[in-house]
């Protein structure tokens, strides 16, 4: 659902924010290595809608491939073996965020605000990500060496997943995102996840065992990184650098500039994936298999929200330094759209949780994950909203230190709640800790962003909430099975989409 653009905020409010951004922090001053902002043209609603739609569709396809990998592996190995893989994937989430360390967001924002692709920045980010990926593998091995019960197979799995992060340093999809070329970024991710699925299926059918999954990810990442580099060189003018400063010194300056974002993303990963490690150590391998079966669908759906925010991030970054009114309109558009897309389906999946688990995994022993599945479907709404407020507002407006502070507070809450609730209530307790943490995180983010992006948070929720409730009520009243229930969901989402397109036609450009 789309709501009409909000009224202009006061000029004093925009001037105050612009002044604060001009002053910046020590970390922000390091961004002077990025070229100055070029003159930007007006950004109509249709352009943002197109970019976000491409990002969402591309994300949906790539996440479907990724989820199919998880489902295929879960069906072909025991619950305990699936637990080993899930633990290795959770460890890799930390290694990945160390290798990324906010550099993709930092680079995409820099390209969006400058309108250019500096060759020096490409080299610095690639060099940093590859080096940090190797550091992440080393840190993981050092930590896991002191953790009791870790098998050699788990270490091999972790190492192979970590190697894929080194390869991903050359993917460069963040460049296309900053240039509003979401179709190329989406295509690269689709090829990557699709290749992973095909190679995983082939390897398992050849009897290669659990190592097939990370090995296939490495091979697919290498192929797509090669394609991405060739694509970048062939489609995008890259500014030649006249830098005489050594690459290492320039890279360290870029790393310092991106550090607040990097620590923030590391804390976010701790909140998202720390529960899996906690379940593994407190409840064992089988419990983490059930837990993964319950939360993977929600995490995959949350990634769709992340892809949507990526689609609007370049516009949010651009308008944040050009016009307060344009930024507020872009934010309100994104907030309303995400509510329309995620609220009805979240309600629907809570109602059909048992049927969905049986459909996906085709094994009755995974029904133990139903409670976790339902809790994560509610947490999904907070995941998506928090991504918009954190990345789409604080990061886009270069409030990196504030973003890191809020994430640090949320991580502290999670650190207390997750072990305590997992110990008492098992996997359901761990899921409850995640939901409680996301609620606290949401409240804090709204407090910090109330001046940057003033919004009627409740108004855009009315139609999606009503639609979700009506869909569930109809399915309950008429005792619809999963198939007819899917049709009801499609009908409800279709009505919301029709209203969205109607309102979109009456909106004004984001820039006056």
Protein backbone atom coordinates (compact mmCIF):
# COMPACT_ATOMS: atom_id res chain seq x y z
CA UNK A 1 0.00 0.00 0.00
CA UNK A 2 1.20 3.49 -0.85
CA UNK A 3 0.29 6.61 1.02
CA UNK A 4 0.48 10.14 -0.43
CA UNK A 5 3.72 11.98 0.23
CA UNK A 6 3.95 13.73 3.57
CA UNK A 7 4.02 17.50 3.87
CA UNK A 8 7.32 19.35 3.78
CA UNK A 9 9.20 19.42 7.05
CA UNK A 10 10.52 22.71 8.29
CA UNK A 11 13.54 24.12 6.52
CA UNK A 12 15.20 24.55 9.88
CA UNK A 13 14.98 20.81 10.50
CA UNK A 14 16.67 20.01 7.19
CA UNK A 15 19.28 22.72 7.75
CA UNK A 16 20.11 21.33 11.17
CA UNK A 17 20.58 17.85 9.80
CA UNK A 18 22.66 19.07 6.88
CA UNK A 19 24.85 21.03 9.29
CA UNK A 20 25.33 17.99 11.48
CA UNK A 21 26.28 15.88 8.47
CA UNK A 22 28.72 18.55 7.32
CA UNK A 23 30.43 18.58 10.71
CA UNK A 24 30.42 14.77 10.97
CA UNK A 25 32.62 12.56 13.07
CA UNK A 26 36.22 11.64 12.66
CA UNK A 27 35.14 8.54 10.81
CA UNK A 28 32.90 10.52 8.48
CA UNK A 29 35.74 12.91 7.64
CA UNK A 30 37.66 10.00 6.25
CA UNK A 31 35.02 9.85 3.53
CA UNK A 32 36.79 12.78 1.88
CA UNK A 33 38.56 10.16 -0.22
CA UNK A 34 35.27 9.78 -2.09
CA UNK A 35 34.61 12.22 -4.94
CA UNK A 36 32.26 15.10 -4.27
CA UNK A 37 28.57 14.75 -4.94
CA UNK A 38 27.56 15.39 -8.50
CA UNK A 39 24.47 17.19 -9.62
CA UNK A 40 21.58 14.76 -9.32
CA UNK A 41 18.45 14.85 -11.36
CA UNK A 42 14.94 14.51 -10.06
CA UNK A 43 13.98 11.04 -8.92
CA UNK A 44 10.36 10.23 -9.75
CA UNK A 45 8.33 7.71 -7.82
CA UNK A 46 8.30 5.34 -10.79
CA UNK A 47 12.09 5.06 -10.75
CA UNK A 48 12.14 4.10 -7.09
CA UNK A 49 9.29 1.67 -7.67
CA UNK A 50 11.17 0.10 -10.58
CA UNK A 51 14.44 -0.26 -8.64
CA UNK A 52 12.71 -1.69 -5.58
CA UNK A 53 10.60 -4.05 -7.65
CA UNK A 54 13.65 -5.36 -9.49
CA UNK A 55 15.51 -5.78 -6.22
CA UNK A 56 12.57 -7.61 -4.65
CA UNK A 57 11.95 -9.91 -7.62
CA UNK A 58 15.64 -10.66 -8.01
CA UNK A 59 15.94 -11.18 -4.27
CA UNK A 60 12.90 -13.46 -4.25
CA UNK A 61 14.36 -15.64 -6.99
CA UNK A 62 17.84 -15.80 -5.45
CA UNK A 63 16.48 -16.47 -1.96
CA UNK A 64 14.20 -19.16 -3.38
CA UNK A 65 17.27 -20.89 -4.85
CA UNK A 66 19.08 -20.49 -1.54
CA UNK A 67 16.13 -21.86 0.42
CA UNK A 68 15.84 -24.79 -1.98
CA UNK A 69 19.46 -25.64 -1.20
CA UNK A 70 18.56 -25.77 2.51
CA UNK A 71 15.45 -27.86 1.86
CA UNK A 72 17.27 -30.28 -0.43
CA UNK A 73 20.05 -30.80 2.10
CA UNK A 74 17.56 -31.20 4.98
CA UNK A 75 15.71 -33.91 3.07
CA UNK A 76 18.82 -35.90 2.14
CA UNK A 77 20.63 -35.89 5.50
CA UNK A 78 19.59 -36.68 9.06
CA UNK A 79 18.43 -34.01 11.50
CA UNK A 80 21.77 -34.22 13.32
CA UNK A 81 23.74 -33.81 10.06
CA UNK A 82 21.51 -30.90 9.07
CA UNK A 83 22.31 -29.43 12.48
CA UNK A 84 26.05 -29.61 11.68
CA UNK A 85 25.50 -27.70 8.44
CA UNK A 86 23.25 -25.15 10.13
CA UNK A 87 25.90 -24.51 12.76
CA UNK A 88 28.57 -24.03 10.08
CA UNK A 89 26.27 -21.63 8.21
CA UNK A 90 25.70 -19.66 11.42
CA UNK A 91 29.48 -19.42 12.00
CA UNK A 92 29.93 -18.33 8.39
CA UNK A 93 27.42 -15.52 8.96
CA UNK A 94 29.93 -14.02 11.39
CA UNK A 95 32.86 -14.64 9.06
CA UNK A 96 30.93 -13.03 6.20
CA UNK A 97 30.13 -9.90 8.17
CA UNK A 98 33.79 -9.63 9.18
CA UNK A 99 34.79 -9.83 5.52
CA UNK A 100 32.08 -7.35 4.53
CA UNK A 101 32.43 -5.08 7.60
CA UNK A 102 29.98 -2.54 6.21
CA UNK A 103 32.14 -1.98 3.11
CA UNK A 104 29.39 -2.85 0.62
CA UNK A 105 26.98 -0.36 2.19
CA UNK A 106 29.76 2.22 2.48
CA UNK A 107 30.78 1.78 -1.15
CA UNK A 108 27.21 1.78 -2.48
CA UNK A 109 26.45 4.98 -0.57
CA UNK A 110 29.63 6.63 -1.87
CA UNK A 111 28.81 5.74 -5.49
CA UNK A 112 25.19 6.90 -5.11
CA UNK A 113 26.16 10.26 -3.64
CA UNK A 114 29.06 10.91 -6.03
CA UNK A 115 27.51 9.50 -9.20
CA UNK A 116 30.89 8.01 -10.16
CA UNK A 117 32.85 4.78 -9.76
CA UNK A 118 36.41 5.51 -8.60
CA UNK A 119 38.86 2.78 -9.54
CA UNK A 120 40.75 3.39 -6.31
CA UNK A 121 37.64 2.64 -4.25
CA UNK A 122 37.09 -0.63 -6.14
CA UNK A 123 40.64 -1.76 -5.42
CA UNK A 124 40.48 -0.73 -1.76
CA UNK A 125 37.19 -2.50 -1.00
CA UNK A 126 38.20 -5.66 -2.87
CA UNK A 127 41.55 -5.77 -1.07
CA UNK A 128 39.94 -5.15 2.32
CA UNK A 129 37.19 -7.74 1.89
CA UNK A 130 39.57 -10.48 0.80
CA UNK A 131 41.94 -9.76 3.68
CA UNK A 132 39.14 -9.54 6.24
CA UNK A 133 37.67 -12.82 4.94
CA UNK A 134 40.96 -14.58 5.68
CA UNK A 135 41.04 -12.93 9.09
CA UNK A 136 37.49 -14.16 9.75
CA UNK A 137 38.51 -17.77 8.99
CA UNK A 138 41.48 -17.51 11.33
CA UNK A 139 39.39 -16.02 14.15
CA UNK A 140 36.72 -18.69 13.74
CA UNK A 141 39.28 -21.47 14.03
CA UNK A 142 40.89 -19.91 17.09
CA UNK A 143 37.55 -19.57 18.86
CA UNK A 144 36.21 -22.98 17.85
CA UNK A 145 39.40 -24.67 19.03
CA UNK A 146 38.43 -23.83 22.60
CA UNK A 147 34.78 -24.87 22.21
CA UNK A 148 34.09 -28.42 23.44
CA UNK A 149 32.34 -30.90 21.16
CA UNK A 150 33.37 -29.38 17.83
CA UNK A 151 34.13 -32.13 15.32
CA UNK A 152 36.74 -32.06 12.56
CA UNK A 153 33.96 -32.19 9.97
CA UNK A 154 32.44 -29.01 11.41
CA UNK A 155 35.84 -27.28 11.10
CA UNK A 156 36.14 -28.38 7.46
CA UNK A 157 32.66 -27.05 6.76
CA UNK A 158 33.46 -23.71 8.42
CA UNK A 159 36.73 -23.37 6.47
CA UNK A 160 35.08 -24.08 3.13
CA UNK A 161 32.25 -21.61 3.78
CA UNK A 162 34.86 -19.03 4.81
CA UNK A 163 36.73 -19.50 1.53
CA UNK A 164 33.58 -18.45 -0.33
CA UNK A 165 33.80 -15.06 1.43
CA UNK A 166 37.29 -14.50 0.00
CA UNK A 167 35.94 -15.14 -3.49
CA UNK A 168 32.95 -12.82 -2.97
CA UNK A 169 35.31 -9.86 -2.55
CA UNK A 170 35.32 -9.63 -6.35
CA UNK A 171 31.56 -9.73 -6.84
CA UNK A 172 31.10 -5.90 -7.03
CA UNK A 173 27.29 -6.03 -6.95
CA UNK A 174 27.38 -3.04 -4.56
CA UNK A 175 28.66 -0.85 -7.41
CA UNK A 176 25.59 -1.55 -9.54
CA UNK A 177 23.33 -0.87 -6.53
CA UNK A 178 24.91 2.56 -6.06
CA UNK A 179 24.43 3.34 -9.75
CA UNK A 180 20.69 2.47 -9.61
CA UNK A 181 21.40 -0.60 -11.79
CA UNK A 182 19.51 -3.07 -9.63
CA UNK A 183 18.82 -5.34 -12.59
CA UNK A 184 22.52 -6.21 -12.88
CA UNK A 185 22.94 -6.67 -9.14
CA UNK A 186 19.87 -8.91 -9.03
CA UNK A 187 21.08 -10.95 -12.02
CA UNK A 188 24.43 -11.62 -10.36
CA UNK A 189 22.77 -12.83 -7.18
CA UNK A 190 20.35 -15.04 -9.12
CA UNK A 191 23.21 -16.64 -11.06
CA UNK A 192 25.14 -17.15 -7.83
CA UNK A 193 22.37 -18.82 -5.82
CA UNK A 194 21.08 -20.76 -8.83
CA UNK A 195 24.55 -22.12 -9.51
CA UNK A 196 24.86 -23.10 -5.86
CA UNK A 197 21.61 -25.07 -6.07
CA UNK A 198 22.57 -26.91 -9.27
CA UNK A 199 26.07 -27.77 -8.06
CA UNK A 200 24.78 -28.90 -4.64
CA UNK A 201 22.21 -31.24 -6.18
CA UNK A 202 24.81 -32.65 -8.55
CA UNK A 203 27.38 -33.18 -5.81
CA UNK A 204 24.98 -34.90 -3.44
CA UNK A 205 23.75 -37.22 -6.19
CA UNK A 206 27.37 -38.16 -6.84
CA UNK A 207 27.70 -39.11 -3.17
CA UNK A 208 30.09 -36.32 -2.13
CA UNK A 209 28.49 -35.86 1.33
CA UNK A 210 28.10 -32.77 3.51
CA UNK A 211 31.13 -30.97 2.04
CA UNK A 212 29.22 -30.62 -1.22
CA UNK A 213 27.24 -27.66 0.07
CA UNK A 214 30.11 -25.23 0.89
CA UNK A 215 32.24 -26.46 -2.04
CA UNK A 216 29.40 -25.73 -4.45
CA UNK A 217 29.02 -22.27 -2.93
CA UNK A 218 32.72 -21.54 -3.56
CA UNK A 219 32.61 -22.68 -7.19
CA UNK A 220 29.43 -20.74 -7.92
CA UNK A 221 30.83 -17.59 -6.26
CA UNK A 222 34.00 -17.82 -8.35
CA UNK A 223 32.08 -18.11 -11.60
CA UNK A 224 29.74 -15.21 -10.79
CA UNK A 225 32.57 -12.98 -9.52
CA UNK A 226 34.31 -13.45 -12.87
CA UNK A 227 31.11 -12.61 -14.76
CA UNK A 228 30.49 -9.60 -12.48
CA UNK A 229 33.94 -8.14 -13.08
CA UNK A 230 33.66 -8.52 -16.85
CA UNK A 231 30.16 -6.99 -16.71
CA UNK A 232 31.42 -4.04 -14.66
CA UNK A 233 34.31 -3.32 -17.00
CA UNK A 234 32.04 -3.54 -20.04
CA UNK A 235 29.13 -1.39 -18.84
CA UNK A 236 30.48 1.16 -16.35
CA UNK A 237 33.04 3.95 -16.85
CA UNK A 238 35.59 3.61 -14.06
CA UNK A 239 37.54 6.70 -13.03
CA UNK A 240 41.26 6.12 -13.31
CA UNK A 241 43.06 6.90 -10.09
CA UNK A 242 46.04 9.24 -9.94
CA UNK A 243 46.72 8.13 -6.37
CA UNK A 244 50.37 7.79 -5.41
CA UNK A 245 49.57 6.63 -1.89
CA UNK A 246 50.18 2.88 -1.40
CA UNK A 247 47.10 0.66 -1.61
CA UNK A 248 47.53 -0.57 1.95
CA UNK A 249 47.50 2.94 3.40
CA UNK A 250 44.49 3.97 1.33
CA UNK A 251 42.68 0.79 2.31
CA UNK A 252 43.25 1.47 5.99
CA UNK A 253 41.75 4.95 5.56
CA UNK A 254 38.69 3.43 3.87
CA UNK A 255 38.42 0.84 6.63
CA UNK A 256 38.42 3.56 9.29
CA UNK A 257 35.70 5.42 7.38
CA UNK A 258 33.54 2.28 7.15
CA UNK A 259 34.29 1.07 10.70
CA UNK A 260 31.07 2.36 12.37
CA UNK A 261 28.98 0.59 9.72
CA UNK A 262 31.17 -2.47 10.05
CA UNK A 263 30.76 -2.77 13.80
CA UNK A 264 27.05 -2.18 13.36
CA UNK A 265 26.66 -5.00 10.85
CA UNK A 266 28.73 -7.28 13.08
CA UNK A 267 26.39 -6.59 15.98
CA UNK A 268 23.38 -7.19 13.72
CA UNK A 269 24.81 -10.56 12.71
CA UNK A 270 25.29 -11.44 16.36
CA UNK A 271 21.61 -10.70 17.01
CA UNK A 272 20.42 -12.68 13.97
CA UNK A 273 22.69 -15.73 14.23
CA UNK A 274 23.73 -15.89 17.88
CA UNK A 275 20.60 -17.84 18.75
CA UNK A 276 21.64 -20.77 16.53
CA UNK A 277 25.01 -21.04 18.29
CA UNK A 278 23.30 -20.80 21.69
CA UNK A 279 20.87 -23.62 20.83
CA UNK A 280 23.77 -25.72 19.51
CA UNK A 281 25.77 -25.44 22.73
CA UNK A 282 22.88 -25.69 25.20
CA UNK A 283 20.53 -28.18 23.52
CA UNK A 284 22.60 -30.16 21.02
CA UNK A 285 22.75 -30.88 17.30
CA UNK A 286 19.21 -32.24 16.88
CA UNK A 287 17.72 -29.17 18.57
CA UNK A 288 19.62 -26.83 16.27
CA UNK A 289 18.28 -28.82 13.30
CA UNK A 290 14.71 -28.24 14.49
CA UNK A 291 15.49 -24.62 15.22
CA UNK A 292 16.93 -24.09 11.75
CA UNK A 293 13.84 -25.67 10.19
CA UNK A 294 11.70 -23.16 12.10
CA UNK A 295 13.64 -19.98 11.42
CA UNK A 296 15.10 -20.39 7.92
CA UNK A 297 11.89 -19.41 6.11
CA UNK A 298 11.56 -16.18 8.11
CA UNK A 299 15.23 -15.31 7.65
CA UNK A 300 14.92 -15.92 3.90
CA UNK A 301 11.83 -13.67 3.78
CA UNK A 302 13.66 -11.04 5.83
CA UNK A 303 16.35 -11.04 3.15
CA UNK A 304 13.66 -9.98 0.67
CA UNK A 305 13.07 -6.94 2.85
CA UNK A 306 16.81 -6.31 2.79
CA UNK A 307 16.81 -6.50 -1.00
CA UNK A 308 13.94 -4.00 -1.10
CA UNK A 309 15.89 -1.58 1.12
CA UNK A 310 18.91 -2.07 -1.14
CA UNK A 311 16.71 -1.05 -4.06
CA UNK A 312 15.82 2.26 -2.40
CA UNK A 313 19.11 2.79 -0.54
CA UNK A 314 20.80 4.65 -3.39
CA UNK A 315 17.83 7.06 -3.64
CA UNK A 316 17.63 7.47 0.14
CA UNK A 317 21.36 8.24 0.26
CA UNK A 318 21.07 10.69 -2.61
CA UNK A 319 18.02 12.56 -1.34
CA UNK A 320 19.40 12.72 2.21
CA UNK A 321 21.93 15.33 1.04
CA UNK A 322 19.66 17.09 -1.45
CA UNK A 323 16.22 17.63 0.06
CA UNK A 324 14.55 16.80 3.37
CA UNK A 325 11.15 16.69 1.67
CA UNK A 326 12.40 14.26 -0.97
CA UNK A 327 13.98 12.03 1.65
CA UNK A 328 10.80 11.91 3.74
CA UNK A 329 8.68 11.04 0.71
CA UNK A 330 11.04 8.28 -0.33
CA UNK A 331 11.07 6.86 3.19
CA UNK A 332 7.28 6.95 3.52
CA UNK A 333 6.95 5.23 0.16
CA UNK A 334 9.30 2.41 1.26
CA UNK A 335 7.67 2.02 4.68
CA UNK A 336 4.19 1.73 3.20
CA UNK A 337 5.34 -0.71 0.53
CA UNK A 338 7.07 -3.01 3.03
CA UNK A 339 3.96 -3.05 5.23
CA UNK A 340 1.85 -4.05 2.23
CA UNK A 341 4.24 -6.82 1.21
CA UNK A 342 4.98 -8.47 4.56
CA UNK A 343 2.10 -8.05 7.02
CA UNK A 344 -0.56 -10.19 5.28
CA UNK A 345 1.85 -13.02 4.44
CA UNK A 346 3.18 -13.04 8.01
CA UNK A 347 -0.33 -13.49 9.41
CA UNK A 348 -1.06 -16.18 6.83
CA UNK A 349 2.10 -18.20 7.56
CA UNK A 350 1.41 -18.14 11.30
CA UNK A 351 -1.99 -19.74 10.63
CA UNK A 352 -0.63 -22.38 8.21
CA UNK A 353 2.63 -23.06 10.09
CA UNK A 354 2.08 -26.80 10.53
CA UNK A 355 1.09 -27.38 6.92
CA UNK A 356 4.02 -25.34 5.61
CA UNK A 357 6.54 -27.27 7.72
CA UNK A 358 5.18 -30.59 6.43
CA UNK A 359 5.16 -29.32 2.84
CA UNK A 360 8.74 -28.07 2.99
CA UNK A 361 10.44 -30.88 4.88
CA UNK A 362 8.06 -33.83 4.28
CA UNK A 363 9.05 -35.37 7.61
CA UNK A 364 6.95 -35.46 10.77
CA UNK A 365 9.98 -35.10 13.08
CA UNK A 366 10.34 -31.48 11.90
CA UNK A 367 6.94 -30.59 13.41
CA UNK A 368 8.83 -29.79 16.60
CA UNK A 369 9.81 -26.57 14.78
CA UNK A 370 6.23 -25.26 14.43
CA UNK A 371 6.41 -23.05 17.55
CA UNK A 372 9.71 -21.52 16.43
CA UNK A 373 8.29 -21.01 12.93
CA UNK A 374 5.32 -19.01 14.24
CA UNK A 375 7.39 -16.80 16.52
CA UNK A 376 9.81 -15.99 13.72
CA UNK A 377 6.97 -15.01 11.40
CA UNK A 378 6.09 -12.24 13.87
CA UNK A 379 9.75 -11.35 14.36
CA UNK A 380 10.00 -11.07 10.56
CA UNK A 381 7.95 -7.87 10.61
CA UNK A 382 10.42 -6.30 13.04
CA UNK A 383 13.41 -7.58 11.04
CA UNK A 384 12.13 -5.80 7.94
CA UNK A 385 11.13 -2.58 9.71
CA UNK A 386 14.42 -2.38 11.56
CA UNK A 387 16.37 -2.83 8.32
CA UNK A 388 14.55 0.14 6.82
CA UNK A 389 15.10 2.35 9.87
CA UNK A 390 18.70 1.28 10.40
CA UNK A 391 20.12 1.02 6.89
CA UNK A 392 17.54 3.14 5.07
CA UNK A 393 17.64 6.06 7.51
CA UNK A 394 20.64 6.04 9.84
CA UNK A 395 23.13 4.61 7.33
CA UNK A 396 21.73 6.61 4.39
CA UNK A 397 22.03 9.80 6.44
CA UNK A 398 25.56 8.87 7.54
CA UNK A 399 24.56 8.48 11.17
CA UNK A 400 26.88 5.49 11.41
CA UNK A 401 27.91 5.99 15.03
CA UNK A 402 24.29 6.19 16.15
CA UNK A 403 23.50 3.01 14.22
CA UNK A 404 26.35 1.22 15.96
CA UNK A 405 25.23 2.48 19.38
CA UNK A 406 21.65 1.26 18.92
CA UNK A 407 22.81 -2.12 17.66
CA UNK A 408 25.15 -2.41 20.63
CA UNK A 409 22.24 -1.87 23.02
CA UNK A 410 20.09 -4.44 21.21
CA UNK A 411 22.96 -6.94 21.25
CA UNK A 412 23.32 -6.48 25.02
CA UNK A 413 19.62 -7.26 25.50
CA UNK A 414 19.97 -10.34 23.29
CA UNK A 415 23.08 -11.51 25.14
CA UNK A 416 21.10 -11.61 28.38
CA UNK A 417 17.80 -13.00 27.09
CA UNK A 418 18.92 -15.68 24.62
CA UNK A 419 20.92 -18.01 26.93
CA UNK A 420 18.44 -17.53 29.77
CA UNK A 421 15.29 -18.30 27.77
CA UNK A 422 16.96 -21.09 25.78
CA UNK A 423 18.03 -22.80 29.00
CA UNK A 424 14.51 -22.67 30.44
CA UNK A 425 12.28 -23.16 27.35
CA UNK A 426 14.54 -24.67 24.69
CA UNK A 427 14.19 -23.63 21.07
CA UNK A 428 10.92 -21.78 21.70
CA UNK A 429 12.68 -19.73 24.38
CA UNK A 430 15.48 -18.84 21.97
CA UNK A 431 12.96 -17.70 19.34
CA UNK A 432 11.17 -15.62 22.00
CA UNK A 433 14.48 -13.95 22.89
CA UNK A 434 14.96 -13.00 19.23
CA UNK A 435 11.46 -11.48 19.05
CA UNK A 436 11.92 -9.53 22.29
CA UNK A 437 15.28 -8.19 21.10
CA UNK A 438 13.81 -7.03 17.79
CA UNK A 439 10.99 -5.22 19.61
CA UNK A 440 13.49 -3.35 21.80
CA UNK A 441 15.61 -2.61 18.73
CA UNK A 442 12.59 -1.22 16.87
CA UNK A 443 11.57 1.10 19.70
CA UNK A 444 15.10 2.47 20.00
CA UNK A 445 15.47 2.98 16.25
CA UNK A 446 12.18 4.89 16.09
CA UNK A 447 13.41 7.17 18.85
CA UNK A 448 16.67 7.89 17.02
CA UNK A 449 15.07 8.41 13.60
CA UNK A 450 12.04 10.47 14.65
CA UNK A 451 13.63 13.74 13.41
CA UNK A 452 15.43 12.31 10.38
CA UNK A 453 12.34 10.58 8.97
CA UNK A 454 9.12 11.74 10.64
CA UNK A 455 6.36 9.36 9.65
CA UNK A 456 2.85 8.28 10.60
CA UNK A 457 3.91 4.75 11.55
CA UNK A 458 0.39 3.49 12.25
CA UNK A 459 -1.47 4.92 9.26
CA UNK A 460 0.22 2.79 6.55
CA UNK A 461 -0.44 -0.37 8.61
CA UNK A 462 -4.24 -0.15 8.56
CA UNK A 463 -4.94 -1.74 5.18
CA UNK A 464 -2.28 -4.49 5.40
CA UNK A 465 -3.41 -5.41 8.94
CA UNK A 466 -7.06 -5.52 7.92
CA UNK A 467 -6.20 -7.61 4.86
CA UNK A 468 -4.13 -10.08 6.87
CA UNK A 469 -6.86 -10.51 9.48
CA UNK A 470 -9.54 -10.99 6.80
CA UNK A 471 -7.46 -13.60 4.98
CA UNK A 472 -6.89 -15.64 8.15
CA UNK A 473 -10.54 -15.26 9.21
CA UNK A 474 -11.78 -16.51 5.83
CA UNK A 475 -9.38 -19.47 5.86
CA UNK A 476 -10.49 -20.39 9.40
CA UNK A 477 -14.21 -19.94 8.78
CA UNK A 478 -14.28 -22.03 5.60
CA UNK A 479 -11.66 -24.56 6.78
CA UNK A 480 -9.48 -23.95 3.75
CA UNK A 481 -6.59 -26.34 3.19
CA UNK A 482 -3.18 -24.94 2.21
CA UNK A 483 -3.96 -24.78 -1.53
CA UNK A 484 -7.13 -22.66 -1.27
CA UNK A 485 -5.38 -20.67 1.45
CA UNK A 486 -2.67 -19.72 -1.02
CA UNK A 487 -5.35 -18.47 -3.41
CA UNK A 488 -6.87 -16.37 -0.63
CA UNK A 489 -3.47 -14.88 0.15
CA UNK A 490 -2.94 -14.10 -3.52
CA UNK A 491 -6.35 -12.42 -3.72
CA UNK A 492 -5.65 -10.25 -0.69
CA UNK A 493 -2.18 -9.24 -1.89
CA UNK A 494 -3.62 -8.54 -5.33
CA UNK A 495 -6.15 -6.10 -3.85
CA UNK A 496 -3.38 -4.31 -1.93
CA UNK A 497 -1.23 -4.16 -5.05
CA UNK A 498 -4.12 -2.69 -7.06
CA UNK A 499 -4.55 0.02 -4.44
CA UNK A 500 -0.77 0.61 -4.43
CA UNK A 501 -0.71 1.21 -8.20
CA UNK A 502 -3.72 3.52 -7.97
CA UNK A 503 -2.09 5.68 -5.31
CA UNK A 504 1.28 5.57 -7.09
CA UNK A 505 -0.22 7.28 -10.12
CA UNK A 506 -1.25 10.25 -7.98
CA UNK A 507 2.10 10.73 -6.23
CA UNK A 508 4.49 13.53 -7.08
CA UNK A 509 8.21 13.20 -7.81
CA UNK A 510 10.44 12.84 -4.77
CA UNK A 511 12.41 15.91 -5.69
CA UNK A 512 10.52 19.17 -6.23
